[in-house]
């Protein structure tokens, strides 16, 4: 995003009347801004634009981009706009709308041409010329053999600067995916293959489209944002410009749940009133014990949730991951525990007090590793969203067991 686009986004975000702001910017700025806004904001803009204004914008977009925006409109408005598109774009848009947006086909575009390795140089040049006359961008050239099997991608430079025989040599192989695969699987293919494009096949192994890396980057960015929102207890639809009542509606549910879990931790603490009254210094270290456990648990949860989203974890890996996280928790617990022991000793000049605090930290970081790993996996197994639910359970467990361990050890050892 360049500085001009950043300024445009900032001005739009700060504007009190966004509809008026959008109507007053240039046509090029309207298209640029629409591209970088969140899905919620895109839907809002398309909601107050007239059909003619939307059509003017769509004239400068590829069919796959038009399809992405059309899904924000109601069926009647969508149908009217599609009927007014030019025949080439209308045909492609109707084809793309058949597929689920979160599938491989939902990510693909149709900016490609199929040629045969039997075609002459002139025939291919004519195909490209025809495509450019109907489209807007240089197409990807996919070469098929006599049996219509994909041989690879031909760079347009090979067509321009090589003989017919040379231009079919060293074609670039591309990975492929079936049209109904989930977008997380497509992301995984891109990561493993490091290619700029993926070919999309139908059930008959016929090419129906291709996916560019730039489209995958958008999906990854969106999913990262959604995961962050979910782990933070925020709704993915919440926007920085929402009014206070909308923000309350999105947040109050999780705040009430967090309040309930906080009272559970408070109940555990209340069982050790006698211990705390005799050793007041315990109260100063309680936030440290709970906070360190909560942070460690959140770190582990974030890694597990992200891996579950990208489907890089399966049942076979679960045990190995738990062992790795548990080992990391023990090592981190020992290091932080020693530091806490020394600090507690300096505060109180009591080695036993320091050992109690250090041991509580060690145990709580181990608990954080176990719960941070298992909770998302269990929630996923029962078809709950681990991103939105895990943090509450993990932080509750580290608070409850952290206080229980710290105050329990203090009661046994120090009293």
Protein backbone atom coordinates (compact mmCIF):
# COMPACT_ATOMS: atom_id res chain seq x y z
CA UNK A 1 0.00 0.00 0.00
CA UNK A 2 1.60 3.29 -1.10
CA UNK A 3 1.45 6.55 0.87
CA UNK A 4 -1.32 8.00 -1.30
CA UNK A 5 -3.52 4.96 -0.67
CA UNK A 6 -2.74 5.04 3.06
CA UNK A 7 -3.76 8.70 3.20
CA UNK A 8 -6.97 7.90 1.31
CA UNK A 9 -7.83 5.11 3.76
CA UNK A 10 -7.04 7.34 6.75
CA UNK A 11 -9.22 10.17 5.46
CA UNK A 12 -12.09 7.77 4.78
CA UNK A 13 -11.79 6.22 8.25
CA UNK A 14 -11.81 9.65 9.95
CA UNK A 15 -14.63 11.09 7.87
CA UNK A 16 -17.92 11.60 9.72
CA UNK A 17 -20.00 11.16 6.56
CA UNK A 18 -18.42 8.26 4.70
CA UNK A 19 -21.07 8.19 1.99
CA UNK A 20 -20.41 11.83 1.16
CA UNK A 21 -16.63 11.33 1.28
CA UNK A 22 -16.78 8.39 -1.13
CA UNK A 23 -19.02 10.27 -3.55
CA UNK A 24 -16.60 13.21 -3.71
CA UNK A 25 -13.31 11.38 -4.43
CA UNK A 26 -12.12 10.64 -7.96
CA UNK A 27 -13.20 7.55 -9.84
CA UNK A 28 -9.72 5.99 -9.62
CA UNK A 29 -9.67 6.65 -5.87
CA UNK A 30 -13.08 4.99 -5.51
CA UNK A 31 -11.74 1.78 -7.03
CA UNK A 32 -8.51 1.90 -5.00
CA UNK A 33 -10.36 2.51 -1.74
CA UNK A 34 -12.89 -0.25 -2.39
CA UNK A 35 -10.04 -2.74 -2.84
CA UNK A 36 -8.37 -2.03 0.52
CA UNK A 37 -11.40 -1.74 2.79
CA UNK A 38 -12.65 -4.55 5.02
CA UNK A 39 -15.48 -6.76 3.79
CA UNK A 40 -17.90 -5.00 6.11
CA UNK A 41 -16.92 -1.58 4.74
CA UNK A 42 -17.09 -2.83 1.14
CA UNK A 43 -20.61 -4.07 1.80
CA UNK A 44 -21.59 -0.70 3.27
CA UNK A 45 -20.26 1.23 0.26
CA UNK A 46 -21.94 -1.05 -2.26
CA UNK A 47 -25.13 -0.72 -0.24
CA UNK A 48 -25.46 3.02 -0.81
CA UNK A 49 -24.14 3.17 -4.39
CA UNK A 50 -26.67 3.17 -7.20
CA UNK A 51 -26.70 0.31 -9.70
CA UNK A 52 -25.24 2.58 -12.38
CA UNK A 53 -22.40 3.65 -10.07
CA UNK A 54 -21.62 0.02 -9.29
CA UNK A 55 -21.65 -0.88 -12.98
CA UNK A 56 -19.24 1.96 -13.75
CA UNK A 57 -16.80 0.51 -11.20
CA UNK A 58 -17.30 -3.07 -12.42
CA UNK A 59 -16.28 -2.06 -15.95
CA UNK A 60 -12.70 -1.69 -14.70
CA UNK A 61 -12.57 -4.90 -12.65
CA UNK A 62 -11.81 -8.51 -13.56
CA UNK A 63 -14.73 -10.98 -13.43
CA UNK A 64 -13.39 -12.62 -10.26
CA UNK A 65 -13.26 -9.22 -8.52
CA UNK A 66 -16.78 -8.41 -9.72
CA UNK A 67 -17.94 -11.75 -8.28
CA UNK A 68 -16.34 -10.98 -4.91
CA UNK A 69 -18.32 -7.74 -4.66
CA UNK A 70 -21.60 -9.10 -6.02
CA UNK A 71 -22.00 -11.47 -3.08
CA UNK A 72 -22.50 -8.42 -0.83
CA UNK A 73 -25.69 -7.45 -2.70
CA UNK A 74 -29.17 -8.85 -2.27
CA UNK A 75 -30.38 -11.27 -4.94
CA UNK A 76 -32.60 -8.80 -6.81
CA UNK A 77 -29.95 -6.09 -7.06
CA UNK A 78 -27.35 -8.70 -7.92
CA UNK A 79 -29.48 -10.09 -10.78
CA UNK A 80 -30.20 -6.64 -12.22
CA UNK A 81 -26.51 -5.70 -12.24
CA UNK A 82 -25.43 -9.00 -13.78
CA UNK A 83 -27.96 -8.58 -16.57
CA UNK A 84 -26.37 -5.21 -17.47
CA UNK A 85 -22.77 -6.51 -17.65
CA UNK A 86 -21.23 -7.06 -21.07
CA UNK A 87 -21.78 -10.58 -22.41
CA UNK A 88 -18.20 -11.79 -21.83
CA UNK A 89 -18.06 -10.59 -18.21
CA UNK A 90 -21.62 -11.76 -17.51
CA UNK A 91 -20.83 -15.28 -18.70
CA UNK A 92 -17.70 -15.48 -16.52
CA UNK A 93 -19.42 -13.99 -13.46
CA UNK A 94 -22.35 -16.42 -13.68
CA UNK A 95 -19.84 -19.27 -13.90
CA UNK A 96 -17.86 -18.07 -10.85
CA UNK A 97 -20.98 -17.50 -8.75
CA UNK A 98 -21.73 -21.24 -8.91
CA UNK A 99 -18.89 -21.96 -6.50
CA UNK A 100 -18.51 -21.54 -2.74
CA UNK A 101 -16.46 -18.39 -1.96
CA UNK A 102 -14.27 -20.25 0.58
CA UNK A 103 -13.37 -23.01 -1.92
CA UNK A 104 -10.53 -23.21 -4.44
CA UNK A 105 -12.99 -22.30 -7.21
CA UNK A 106 -14.12 -19.30 -5.18
CA UNK A 107 -10.56 -17.95 -5.27
CA UNK A 108 -9.85 -18.58 -8.94
CA UNK A 109 -9.91 -16.21 -11.90
CA UNK A 110 -10.44 -16.88 -15.61
CA UNK A 111 -7.63 -14.80 -17.07
CA UNK A 112 -5.97 -17.60 -19.03
CA UNK A 113 -6.03 -19.23 -22.45
CA UNK A 114 -5.55 -22.88 -23.39
CA UNK A 115 -3.32 -23.69 -26.37
CA UNK A 116 -2.11 -26.95 -27.87
CA UNK A 117 1.50 -27.95 -28.40
CA UNK A 118 0.40 -28.54 -31.99
CA UNK A 119 -0.64 -24.91 -32.53
CA UNK A 120 1.43 -22.61 -34.69
CA UNK A 121 3.00 -19.45 -33.36
CA UNK A 122 0.56 -17.33 -35.36
CA UNK A 123 -2.46 -19.23 -34.01
CA UNK A 124 -1.38 -18.63 -30.43
CA UNK A 125 -0.73 -14.94 -31.12
CA UNK A 126 -4.25 -14.63 -32.54
CA UNK A 127 -5.70 -16.31 -29.43
CA UNK A 128 -3.87 -13.83 -27.20
CA UNK A 129 -5.00 -10.89 -29.32
CA UNK A 130 -8.62 -12.02 -29.13
CA UNK A 131 -8.35 -12.50 -25.38
CA UNK A 132 -6.88 -9.03 -24.86
CA UNK A 133 -9.64 -7.49 -26.96
CA UNK A 134 -12.22 -9.09 -24.64
CA UNK A 135 -10.30 -8.74 -21.39
CA UNK A 136 -8.06 -6.31 -19.59
CA UNK A 137 -4.84 -8.12 -18.66
CA UNK A 138 -2.18 -10.28 -20.24
CA UNK A 139 -3.42 -13.88 -19.92
CA UNK A 140 -1.63 -16.90 -18.51
CA UNK A 141 -0.85 -19.29 -21.40
CA UNK A 142 -1.48 -22.94 -20.50
CA UNK A 143 -0.20 -25.57 -22.94
CA UNK A 144 -2.03 -28.90 -23.44
CA UNK A 145 -0.86 -32.01 -25.29
CA UNK A 146 -2.87 -33.86 -27.95
CA UNK A 147 -4.89 -35.65 -25.24
CA UNK A 148 -5.60 -32.34 -23.50
CA UNK A 149 -3.33 -33.03 -20.54
CA UNK A 150 -1.66 -29.98 -19.03
CA UNK A 151 2.02 -29.68 -19.97
CA UNK A 152 2.69 -26.40 -18.22
CA UNK A 153 2.73 -22.62 -18.52
CA UNK A 154 4.32 -20.82 -21.46
CA UNK A 155 5.79 -17.41 -20.72
CA UNK A 156 4.72 -14.84 -23.29
CA UNK A 157 8.38 -13.86 -23.76
CA UNK A 158 9.10 -17.35 -25.11
CA UNK A 159 6.39 -16.82 -27.69
CA UNK A 160 7.88 -13.52 -28.76
CA UNK A 161 11.56 -14.36 -28.88
CA UNK A 162 11.75 -18.08 -29.75
CA UNK A 163 11.00 -20.36 -32.67
CA UNK A 164 7.93 -22.61 -32.56
CA UNK A 165 10.03 -25.59 -31.47
CA UNK A 166 11.81 -23.63 -28.74
CA UNK A 167 8.69 -22.04 -27.31
CA UNK A 168 7.27 -25.42 -26.23
CA UNK A 169 10.47 -26.45 -24.44
CA UNK A 170 11.02 -26.05 -20.67
CA UNK A 171 7.40 -25.20 -19.89
CA UNK A 172 6.82 -24.21 -16.28
CA UNK A 173 5.03 -26.90 -14.27
CA UNK A 174 2.25 -25.68 -12.01
CA UNK A 175 0.63 -27.33 -8.98
CA UNK A 176 -3.08 -28.08 -9.15
CA UNK A 177 -6.11 -28.45 -6.91
CA UNK A 178 -9.67 -29.76 -7.27
CA UNK A 179 -12.26 -26.96 -7.41
CA UNK A 180 -14.08 -27.92 -4.18
CA UNK A 181 -11.04 -27.99 -1.89
CA UNK A 182 -11.18 -25.63 1.09
CA UNK A 183 -9.15 -22.42 0.84
CA UNK A 184 -6.94 -23.51 3.77
CA UNK A 185 -5.79 -26.47 1.67
CA UNK A 186 -5.02 -24.10 -1.20
CA UNK A 187 -2.90 -21.99 1.16
CA UNK A 188 -1.04 -25.14 2.19
CA UNK A 189 -0.33 -26.03 -1.47
CA UNK A 190 1.08 -22.55 -2.10
CA UNK A 191 3.33 -22.84 0.94
CA UNK A 192 4.65 -26.23 -0.12
CA UNK A 193 5.18 -25.40 -3.80
CA UNK A 194 6.27 -21.73 -3.70
CA UNK A 195 4.58 -21.03 -7.04
CA UNK A 196 2.87 -17.89 -8.29
CA UNK A 197 -0.16 -19.80 -9.59
CA UNK A 198 -2.23 -22.93 -8.97
CA UNK A 199 -4.38 -24.60 -11.63
CA UNK A 200 -7.97 -25.46 -10.65
CA UNK A 201 -9.49 -28.66 -12.09
CA UNK A 202 -13.06 -29.90 -12.07
CA UNK A 203 -14.05 -33.50 -11.26
CA UNK A 204 -13.23 -34.51 -14.85
CA UNK A 205 -9.67 -33.10 -14.63
CA UNK A 206 -10.55 -30.26 -16.98
CA UNK A 207 -9.03 -26.84 -16.29
CA UNK A 208 -11.65 -24.35 -15.08
CA UNK A 209 -9.46 -21.57 -13.67
CA UNK A 210 -6.29 -20.60 -11.85
CA UNK A 211 -5.41 -18.96 -8.54
CA UNK A 212 -2.76 -16.26 -8.21
CA UNK A 213 -0.51 -15.85 -5.18
CA UNK A 214 -1.81 -12.29 -4.61
CA UNK A 215 -5.30 -13.69 -4.02
CA UNK A 216 -3.94 -16.16 -1.48
CA UNK A 217 -2.09 -13.38 0.35
CA UNK A 218 -5.41 -11.55 0.77
CA UNK A 219 -7.01 -14.68 2.25
CA UNK A 220 -4.09 -15.22 4.65
CA UNK A 221 -4.29 -11.60 5.79
CA UNK A 222 -8.04 -11.88 6.35
CA UNK A 223 -7.67 -15.14 8.29
CA UNK A 224 -4.85 -13.72 10.43
CA UNK A 225 -7.10 -10.77 11.31
CA UNK A 226 -10.06 -13.05 12.09
CA UNK A 227 -7.89 -15.32 14.26
CA UNK A 228 -6.52 -12.31 16.16
CA UNK A 229 -10.03 -10.95 16.70
CA UNK A 230 -11.34 -14.33 17.84
CA UNK A 231 -8.48 -14.96 20.28
CA UNK A 232 -9.00 -11.44 21.64
CA UNK A 233 -12.72 -12.10 22.12
CA UNK A 234 -13.71 -9.69 19.34
CA UNK A 235 -16.23 -10.21 16.56
CA UNK A 236 -14.72 -10.44 13.08
CA UNK A 237 -17.31 -7.94 11.80
CA UNK A 238 -16.30 -5.26 14.30
CA UNK A 239 -14.69 -2.20 12.77
CA UNK A 240 -12.76 0.68 14.32
CA UNK A 241 -15.39 3.14 13.09
CA UNK A 242 -18.39 1.35 14.64
CA UNK A 243 -20.55 3.35 17.05
CA UNK A 244 -20.43 2.56 20.80
CA UNK A 245 -23.66 0.51 20.85
CA UNK A 246 -22.42 -1.70 18.00
CA UNK A 247 -19.14 -2.28 19.82
CA UNK A 248 -21.01 -3.18 22.99
CA UNK A 249 -23.16 -5.69 21.09
CA UNK A 250 -20.07 -7.40 19.69
CA UNK A 251 -18.11 -7.49 22.97
CA UNK A 252 -20.51 -7.85 25.89
CA UNK A 253 -21.02 -11.61 25.51
CA UNK A 254 -17.37 -12.49 25.97
CA UNK A 255 -16.97 -9.92 28.75
CA UNK A 256 -19.78 -11.62 30.72
CA UNK A 257 -18.14 -15.02 30.18
CA UNK A 258 -14.79 -13.61 31.32
CA UNK A 259 -16.49 -12.15 34.38
CA UNK A 260 -17.85 -15.59 35.30
CA UNK A 261 -14.43 -17.20 34.95
CA UNK A 262 -12.85 -14.38 36.99
CA UNK A 263 -15.25 -15.14 39.83
CA UNK A 264 -14.19 -18.78 39.65
CA UNK A 265 -10.58 -17.71 40.22
CA UNK A 266 -11.74 -15.38 42.98
CA UNK A 267 -13.54 -18.29 44.66
CA UNK A 268 -10.27 -20.28 44.72
CA UNK A 269 -8.47 -17.32 46.32
CA UNK A 270 -11.23 -16.93 48.92
CA UNK A 271 -10.49 -20.45 50.21
CA UNK A 272 -7.06 -19.25 51.36
CA UNK A 273 -8.05 -16.12 53.27
CA UNK A 274 -6.33 -17.34 56.41
CA UNK A 275 -3.07 -17.97 54.53
CA UNK A 276 -3.13 -14.55 52.80
CA UNK A 277 -3.93 -12.73 56.09
CA UNK A 278 -0.84 -14.26 57.72
CA UNK A 279 1.43 -13.78 54.68
CA UNK A 280 0.33 -10.50 53.07
CA UNK A 281 3.25 -10.60 50.60
CA UNK A 282 1.49 -13.47 48.85
CA UNK A 283 -1.02 -10.96 47.46
CA UNK A 284 1.78 -9.04 45.70
CA UNK A 285 2.94 -12.16 43.84
CA UNK A 286 -0.49 -13.54 42.90
CA UNK A 287 -0.86 -11.33 39.76
CA UNK A 288 2.63 -12.44 38.68
CA UNK A 289 1.75 -16.15 38.95
CA UNK A 290 -1.56 -15.76 37.10
CA UNK A 291 -0.22 -13.31 34.51
CA UNK A 292 2.76 -15.45 33.51
CA UNK A 293 0.56 -18.53 33.17
CA UNK A 294 -2.02 -16.63 31.12
CA UNK A 295 0.61 -15.22 28.76
CA UNK A 296 2.27 -18.59 28.25
CA UNK A 297 -1.09 -20.26 27.64
CA UNK A 298 -2.10 -17.62 25.11
CA UNK A 299 1.18 -18.07 23.22
CA UNK A 300 0.64 -21.81 22.94
CA UNK A 301 -3.03 -21.40 22.04
CA UNK A 302 -2.25 -18.91 19.26
CA UNK A 303 0.20 -21.35 17.63
CA UNK A 304 -2.19 -24.31 17.87
CA UNK A 305 -5.21 -22.33 16.59
CA UNK A 306 -3.24 -20.99 13.62
CA UNK A 307 -2.04 -24.50 12.76
CA UNK A 308 -5.59 -25.84 13.01
CA UNK A 309 -6.81 -23.07 10.69
CA UNK A 310 -4.18 -23.97 8.10
CA UNK A 311 -4.81 -27.71 8.71
CA UNK A 312 -1.14 -28.43 9.43
CA UNK A 313 -2.13 -30.50 12.50
CA UNK A 314 -3.72 -33.95 12.39
CA UNK A 315 -4.41 -36.58 15.04
CA UNK A 316 -1.00 -38.20 14.50
CA UNK A 317 0.80 -34.97 15.32
CA UNK A 318 -1.26 -34.20 18.44
CA UNK A 319 0.88 -36.27 20.84
CA UNK A 320 4.17 -34.96 19.42
CA UNK A 321 2.97 -31.36 19.65
CA UNK A 322 1.87 -31.86 23.28
CA UNK A 323 5.28 -33.29 24.19
CA UNK A 324 7.08 -30.41 22.46
CA UNK A 325 4.92 -27.76 24.13
CA UNK A 326 5.22 -29.50 27.51
CA UNK A 327 9.01 -29.60 27.17
CA UNK A 328 9.09 -25.92 26.23
CA UNK A 329 6.83 -25.14 29.21
CA UNK A 330 9.15 -26.97 31.61
CA UNK A 331 12.24 -25.18 30.30
CA UNK A 332 10.55 -21.76 30.34
CA UNK A 333 9.13 -22.56 33.78
CA UNK A 334 12.56 -23.39 35.17
CA UNK A 335 14.11 -20.20 33.80
CA UNK A 336 11.28 -17.89 34.93
CA UNK A 337 10.93 -19.84 38.18
CA UNK A 338 14.57 -19.24 39.12
CA UNK A 339 14.22 -15.53 38.35
CA UNK A 340 11.05 -15.29 40.47
CA UNK A 341 12.69 -17.24 43.31
CA UNK A 342 15.58 -14.76 43.42
CA UNK A 343 13.27 -11.73 43.29
CA UNK A 344 10.99 -13.17 45.97
CA UNK A 345 14.00 -13.90 48.21
CA UNK A 346 15.24 -10.32 47.78
CA UNK A 347 11.79 -8.99 48.73
CA UNK A 348 11.29 -11.21 51.77
CA UNK A 349 14.74 -12.56 52.71
CA UNK A 350 13.01 -15.92 52.99
CA UNK A 351 14.36 -18.70 50.77
CA UNK A 352 11.31 -20.93 51.35
CA UNK A 353 9.00 -18.13 50.19
CA UNK A 354 11.13 -17.71 47.04
CA UNK A 355 11.03 -21.45 46.33
CA UNK A 356 7.25 -21.52 46.76
CA UNK A 357 6.81 -18.64 44.28
CA UNK A 358 9.31 -20.14 41.81
CA UNK A 359 7.71 -23.60 42.04
CA UNK A 360 4.25 -22.12 41.48
CA UNK A 361 5.51 -20.36 38.33
CA UNK A 362 7.07 -23.60 37.06
CA UNK A 363 3.89 -25.61 37.66
CA UNK A 364 1.65 -22.92 36.14
CA UNK A 365 3.74 -22.68 32.96
CA UNK A 366 3.50 -26.46 32.60
CA UNK A 367 -0.27 -26.23 33.09
CA UNK A 368 -0.39 -23.42 30.49
CA UNK A 369 1.43 -25.61 27.96
CA UNK A 370 -0.89 -28.56 28.51
CA UNK A 371 -4.15 -26.59 28.44
CA UNK A 372 -2.93 -24.28 25.66
CA UNK A 373 -2.34 -27.36 23.51
CA UNK A 374 -5.24 -29.60 24.46
CA UNK A 375 -8.10 -27.09 24.70
CA UNK A 376 -8.01 -25.99 21.01
CA UNK A 377 -7.58 -29.61 19.87
CA UNK A 378 -10.53 -30.79 21.99
CA UNK A 379 -12.76 -27.92 20.88
CA UNK A 380 -11.90 -28.63 17.24
CA UNK A 381 -12.71 -32.34 17.75
CA UNK A 382 -16.19 -31.36 18.97
CA UNK A 383 -16.69 -28.92 16.05
CA UNK A 384 -16.43 -25.76 18.17
CA UNK A 385 -14.41 -22.78 16.94
CA UNK A 386 -11.08 -23.03 18.81
CA UNK A 387 -10.13 -19.45 17.94
CA UNK A 388 -13.10 -17.88 19.71
CA UNK A 389 -13.35 -20.24 22.69
CA UNK A 390 -9.87 -21.45 23.63
CA UNK A 391 -8.48 -18.35 25.34
CA UNK A 392 -11.26 -18.18 27.94
CA UNK A 393 -10.72 -21.81 29.02
CA UNK A 394 -6.93 -21.57 28.97
CA UNK A 395 -6.68 -18.34 30.99
CA UNK A 396 -9.25 -19.65 33.46
CA UNK A 397 -7.24 -22.83 33.98
CA UNK A 398 -3.97 -20.95 34.49
CA UNK A 399 -5.64 -18.52 36.93
CA UNK A 400 -7.37 -21.23 38.95
CA UNK A 401 -4.49 -23.71 39.04
CA UNK A 402 -1.94 -20.93 39.44
CA UNK A 403 -3.63 -19.56 42.55
CA UNK A 404 -4.38 -23.05 43.85
CA UNK A 405 -0.73 -24.11 43.46
CA UNK A 406 0.79 -20.91 44.85
CA UNK A 407 -1.53 -20.53 47.84
CA UNK A 408 -1.64 -24.29 48.46
CA UNK A 409 2.16 -24.57 48.59
CA UNK A 410 2.33 -21.49 50.79
CA UNK A 411 -0.17 -23.04 53.21
CA UNK A 412 1.76 -26.34 53.38
CA UNK A 413 5.31 -24.99 53.43
CA UNK A 414 5.17 -21.55 55.07
CA UNK A 415 2.50 -21.93 57.75
